[in-house]
Amino acid sequence: MRILEFQSIVLEGGEVFKDSSGKPLTRRIQAAEIPATLNWLSKVSGLPTKNMTLGSVGKKASSGDLDIAVDQRKISKDQLETRLGAWAKENKLDSQQYVKKSGISVHFLTPIKGDPKLGFVQTDWMFDPDPEWLKFSMYSAGDSSQYSGADRNLLMSSIAKAQGLKYSWQKGLISREDETPISKDPDEIARLLLGPKYQGDVFLSVEAMQEAIHSRPDLQAKFKDLVKDLAEPVDSRGVERKPGEMRKNQEEIARITRLTGIS
């Protein structure tokens, strides 16, 4: 899955559930409503929700949806679908209108605080064999940063790319050539990408990464080399780049400049 998909998956708010006219059946959930809603979800699903949220849930004044990590070694998507469907049937509701699946997720039309009178929010249960990694890779600082979780991941990807490596929010730090795994340990990734004095918490905000980058002239130089290479009409093999590739490269240059100030 491409890193740019991160923004639509986690940070944009869910709109899976719509009426016949295409209008969303959900609303944004206020931060004060989230704890009670998570408690209710835990009772209905039989799964832990405390400390299992992803992205900016609970870190902003309101959230477009609730993203929750699920350990797929303990329960499958089909099993969770059955549990949530059973709740719908017990309440004489159409389970197909309340529970849907796509990609790595099970989506649930969730009554806020368990009370339909308060409206609904979309819950996305996101499955992974390593939910702790998912909590790190989909982290967002929320209102404590001016940047989104997608910005955070894009900057991590650019830091790796500038040094000939590749960062994937699903796979961790990997080889750019053949995607051989290197590390999914945030502390080790920090040391490899930013230097021995750094730990994984440097990745918790764009601002912290910016500070690290600007403390290293050698890394700034690598970013400048990356920007220069992206702007070239031919790649490193001497092959002319197509217009579509050049457009993507210009977009990447704009992201690097916006997130680092380097051009």
Protein backbone atom coordinates (compact mmCIF):
# COMPACT_ATOMS: atom_id res chain seq x y z
CA MET A 1 0.00 0.00 0.00
CA ARG A 2 1.39 3.40 -0.97
CA ILE A 3 2.22 5.85 1.79
CA LEU A 4 -0.09 8.49 0.27
CA GLU A 5 -3.01 6.17 1.03
CA PHE A 6 -2.31 6.78 4.70
CA GLN A 7 -4.06 10.14 4.57
CA SER A 8 -7.34 8.77 3.25
CA ILE A 9 -7.22 5.65 5.44
CA VAL A 10 -6.55 7.24 8.80
CA LEU A 11 -6.80 10.98 8.81
CA GLU A 12 -9.58 12.15 6.57
CA GLY A 13 -12.55 10.76 8.47
CA GLY A 14 -14.71 7.89 7.36
CA GLU A 15 -17.61 8.12 4.93
CA VAL A 16 -18.33 4.45 4.26
CA PHE A 17 -21.90 4.75 5.52
CA LYS A 18 -24.21 6.92 3.41
CA ASP A 19 -27.92 7.18 2.71
CA SER A 20 -29.54 6.66 -0.70
CA SER A 21 -28.72 10.24 -1.71
CA GLY A 22 -25.05 9.86 -0.82
CA LYS A 23 -25.24 11.87 2.39
CA PRO A 24 -23.05 10.51 5.23
CA LEU A 25 -24.95 8.83 8.04
CA THR A 26 -22.22 9.78 10.51
CA ARG A 27 -21.04 12.95 12.21
CA ARG A 28 -17.80 14.06 13.83
CA ILE A 29 -17.38 12.83 17.37
CA GLN A 30 -16.34 15.28 20.09
CA ALA A 31 -13.33 14.43 22.24
CA ALA A 32 -15.51 14.30 25.38
CA GLU A 33 -17.73 11.65 23.74
CA ILE A 34 -14.91 9.32 22.80
CA PRO A 35 -14.17 7.49 26.12
CA ALA A 36 -17.78 6.37 26.64
CA THR A 37 -18.07 5.34 23.00
CA LEU A 38 -14.87 3.29 23.21
CA ASN A 39 -16.12 1.57 26.38
CA TRP A 40 -19.37 0.68 24.62
CA LEU A 41 -17.48 -0.63 21.59
CA SER A 42 -15.34 -2.83 23.82
CA LYS A 43 -18.46 -4.41 25.34
CA VAL A 44 -20.07 -5.03 21.95
CA SER A 45 -16.95 -6.37 20.23
CA GLY A 46 -15.23 -8.14 23.11
CA LEU A 47 -12.02 -6.40 22.07
CA PRO A 48 -9.83 -3.92 23.95
CA THR A 49 -10.21 -0.32 22.85
CA LYS A 50 -8.35 1.54 25.58
CA ASN A 51 -4.87 2.52 24.34
CA MET A 52 -5.63 0.91 20.97
CA THR A 53 -6.75 3.99 19.05
CA LEU A 54 -4.85 5.20 15.99
CA GLY A 55 -4.12 8.52 14.35
CA SER A 56 -5.40 11.63 16.09
CA VAL A 57 -8.31 10.02 17.96
CA GLY A 58 -8.74 11.85 21.26
CA LYS A 59 -5.96 14.32 20.45
CA LYS A 60 -8.14 16.82 18.63
CA ALA A 61 -11.31 18.66 19.62
CA SER A 62 -13.24 16.29 17.35
CA SER A 63 -12.56 13.31 15.10
CA GLY A 64 -14.07 12.25 11.79
CA ASP A 65 -14.00 8.61 12.79
CA LEU A 66 -12.59 6.19 15.35
CA ASP A 67 -9.62 4.10 14.21
CA ILE A 68 -8.78 1.12 16.41
CA ALA A 69 -5.93 -1.36 16.06
CA VAL A 70 -6.81 -5.06 16.18
CA ASP A 71 -4.39 -7.97 16.62
CA GLN A 72 -5.26 -10.21 13.68
CA ARG A 73 -3.50 -13.12 15.38
CA LYS A 74 -6.31 -13.16 17.95
CA ILE A 75 -9.38 -12.49 15.82
CA SER A 76 -10.15 -12.41 12.11
CA LYS A 77 -12.09 -9.81 10.17
CA ASP A 78 -14.83 -12.37 9.55
CA GLN A 79 -15.12 -13.14 13.26
CA LEU A 80 -15.43 -9.48 14.18
CA GLU A 81 -17.97 -8.97 11.41
CA THR A 82 -20.02 -11.80 12.92
CA ARG A 83 -19.87 -10.30 16.42
CA LEU A 84 -20.92 -6.85 15.26
CA GLY A 85 -23.58 -8.34 12.99
CA ALA A 86 -25.01 -10.24 15.95
CA TRP A 87 -25.40 -6.97 17.85
CA ALA A 88 -27.27 -5.47 14.90
CA LYS A 89 -29.61 -8.46 14.62
CA GLU A 90 -30.27 -8.44 18.37
CA ASN A 91 -31.42 -4.86 17.98
CA LYS A 92 -33.52 -5.71 14.91
CA LEU A 93 -31.21 -3.83 12.58
CA ASP A 94 -29.87 -4.77 9.14
CA SER A 95 -26.31 -5.94 9.82
CA GLN A 96 -25.28 -5.17 6.23
CA GLN A 97 -26.11 -1.52 6.81
CA TYR A 98 -24.05 -1.39 10.01
CA VAL A 99 -21.02 -3.56 9.23
CA LYS A 100 -18.80 -3.47 6.14
CA LYS A 101 -15.32 -4.72 5.23
CA SER A 102 -12.59 -3.28 3.02
CA GLY A 103 -8.82 -3.71 2.82
CA ILE A 104 -7.40 -4.24 6.30
CA SER A 105 -10.51 -2.88 8.02
CA VAL A 106 -13.94 -3.72 9.38
CA HIS A 107 -16.16 -0.63 9.42
CA PHE A 108 -18.94 -0.24 11.98
CA LEU A 109 -21.73 2.34 12.05
CA THR A 110 -21.39 3.17 15.73
CA PRO A 111 -24.02 4.88 17.90
CA ILE A 112 -22.15 7.51 19.88
CA LYS A 113 -21.95 6.45 23.53
CA GLY A 114 -24.07 3.49 22.43
CA ASP A 115 -27.09 5.79 22.00
CA PRO A 116 -28.49 6.20 18.45
CA LYS A 117 -30.25 9.39 19.57
CA LEU A 118 -26.81 11.04 19.79
CA GLY A 119 -25.97 10.21 16.20
CA PHE A 120 -23.39 7.88 14.69
CA VAL A 121 -19.66 7.82 14.08
CA GLN A 122 -17.76 5.44 11.82
CA THR A 123 -15.43 3.05 13.61
CA ASP A 124 -12.63 1.47 11.58
CA TRP A 125 -11.18 -1.64 13.19
CA MET A 126 -7.77 -2.00 11.50
CA PHE A 127 -6.17 -5.44 11.47
CA ASP A 128 -2.45 -6.15 11.70
CA PRO A 129 -0.30 -8.95 13.21
CA ASP A 130 1.64 -6.25 15.08
CA PRO A 131 -0.84 -3.72 16.51
CA GLU A 132 1.88 -1.94 18.49
CA TRP A 133 3.66 -1.16 15.22
CA LEU A 134 0.36 0.01 13.74
CA LYS A 135 -0.09 2.38 16.69
CA PHE A 136 3.36 3.85 15.97
CA SER A 137 3.13 3.96 12.19
CA MET A 138 -0.33 5.57 12.23
CA TYR A 139 0.43 7.97 15.03
CA SER A 140 -0.69 11.58 14.77
CA ALA A 141 0.13 14.37 17.21
CA GLY A 142 -3.31 15.90 16.76
CA ASP A 143 -3.79 19.48 17.89
CA SER A 144 -0.32 19.62 19.47
CA SER A 145 1.21 19.89 15.97
CA GLN A 146 0.39 22.03 12.95
CA TYR A 147 1.09 19.01 10.76
CA SER A 148 -1.04 15.94 10.09
CA GLY A 149 -0.17 12.30 10.62
CA ALA A 150 0.12 11.97 6.84
CA ASP A 151 2.73 14.78 6.86
CA ARG A 152 4.62 12.90 9.57
CA ASN A 153 4.76 9.72 7.49
CA LEU A 154 5.66 11.57 4.32
CA LEU A 155 8.58 13.24 6.07
CA MET A 156 9.78 9.91 7.50
CA SER A 157 9.61 8.50 3.96
CA SER A 158 11.61 11.44 2.58
CA ILE A 159 14.30 11.14 5.29
CA ALA A 160 14.75 7.49 4.34
CA LYS A 161 14.72 8.19 0.59
CA ALA A 162 17.36 10.92 0.90
CA GLN A 163 19.66 8.26 2.36
CA GLY A 164 18.95 5.55 -0.21
CA LEU A 165 16.48 3.65 1.97
CA LYS A 166 12.70 3.30 2.05
CA TYR A 167 10.19 3.79 4.86
CA SER A 168 6.82 2.07 4.72
CA TRP A 169 4.14 2.69 7.33
CA GLN A 170 3.24 -0.98 7.00
CA LYS A 171 6.69 -2.60 6.64
CA GLY A 172 8.96 -0.21 8.55
CA LEU A 173 12.45 0.65 7.30
CA ILE A 174 13.29 -1.46 4.26
CA SER A 175 15.77 -1.66 1.38
CA ARG A 176 14.86 0.61 -1.52
CA GLU A 177 16.17 -1.93 -4.04
CA ASP A 178 14.33 -5.09 -3.04
CA GLU A 179 12.30 -4.12 0.08
CA THR A 180 14.35 -6.39 2.32
CA PRO A 181 13.29 -5.65 5.93
CA ILE A 182 15.76 -3.59 7.96
CA SER A 183 13.88 -2.64 11.12
CA LYS A 184 10.46 -2.07 12.66
CA ASP A 185 11.95 -0.87 15.94
CA PRO A 186 11.27 2.90 16.18
CA ASP A 187 14.42 3.49 18.27
CA GLU A 188 16.62 1.65 15.78
CA ILE A 189 14.99 3.44 12.84
CA ALA A 190 15.69 6.76 14.54
CA ARG A 191 19.36 5.88 15.04
CA LEU A 192 19.75 4.67 11.45
CA LEU A 193 18.03 7.67 9.87
CA LEU A 194 18.92 10.54 12.20
CA GLY A 195 21.92 9.48 14.25
CA PRO A 196 22.91 7.63 17.45
CA LYS A 197 21.56 10.24 19.87
CA TYR A 198 17.97 9.90 18.63
CA GLN A 199 15.18 7.59 19.78
CA GLY A 200 11.78 6.73 18.34
CA ASP A 201 10.05 9.64 20.02
CA VAL A 202 11.68 11.98 17.48
CA PHE A 203 9.09 10.66 15.02
CA LEU A 204 6.12 11.74 17.13
CA SER A 205 5.96 15.13 15.42
CA VAL A 206 7.12 16.80 12.23
CA GLU A 207 8.57 19.60 14.32
CA ALA A 208 10.92 17.21 16.17
CA MET A 209 12.12 15.73 12.88
CA GLN A 210 12.64 19.19 11.42
CA GLU A 211 14.86 20.08 14.37
CA ALA A 212 16.88 16.88 13.89
CA ILE A 213 17.32 17.50 10.15
CA HIS A 214 18.48 21.07 10.66
CA SER A 215 21.04 19.95 13.23
CA ARG A 216 22.75 17.83 10.56
CA PRO A 217 24.27 19.67 7.58
CA ASP A 218 25.15 16.33 5.97
CA LEU A 219 21.50 15.26 5.95
CA GLN A 220 20.44 18.65 4.60
CA ALA A 221 22.93 18.14 1.76
CA LYS A 222 21.40 14.74 1.00
CA PHE A 223 17.97 16.34 0.81
CA LYS A 224 19.29 18.92 -1.64
CA ASP A 225 20.76 16.11 -3.75
CA LEU A 226 17.40 14.31 -3.68
CA VAL A 227 15.53 17.44 -4.75
CA LYS A 228 18.05 18.01 -7.55
CA ASP A 229 17.68 14.41 -8.76
CA LEU A 230 13.88 14.60 -8.70
CA ALA A 231 13.99 17.73 -10.87
CA GLU A 232 16.18 16.12 -13.55
CA PRO A 233 14.42 15.20 -16.83
CA VAL A 234 16.36 11.91 -16.91
CA ASP A 235 16.82 9.39 -14.10
CA SER A 236 20.07 7.98 -12.72
CA ARG A 237 20.13 5.36 -15.50
CA GLY A 238 19.90 8.03 -18.19
CA VAL A 239 16.30 7.13 -19.04
CA GLU A 240 14.06 10.08 -19.91
CA ARG A 241 11.30 10.58 -17.39
CA LYS A 242 7.72 10.63 -18.64
CA PRO A 243 5.44 13.63 -17.99
CA GLY A 244 3.47 11.74 -15.34
CA GLU A 245 6.65 10.87 -13.46
CA MET A 246 7.86 14.45 -13.64
CA ARG A 247 4.55 15.70 -12.22
CA LYS A 248 4.85 13.29 -9.29
CA ASN A 249 8.45 14.37 -8.76
CA GLN A 250 7.45 18.04 -8.67
CA GLU A 251 4.76 17.20 -6.11
CA GLU A 252 7.36 15.38 -4.03
CA ILE A 253 9.75 18.34 -4.25
CA ALA A 254 6.93 20.61 -3.06
CA ARG A 255 6.27 18.29 -0.10
CA ILE A 256 9.95 18.17 0.84
CA THR A 257 10.20 21.97 0.67
CA ARG A 258 7.03 22.41 2.72
CA LEU A 259 8.08 19.95 5.41
CA THR A 260 11.80 20.74 5.63
CA GLY A 261 12.33 24.19 4.10
CA ILE A 262 14.97 22.60 1.86
CA SER A 263 14.83 23.18 -1.88
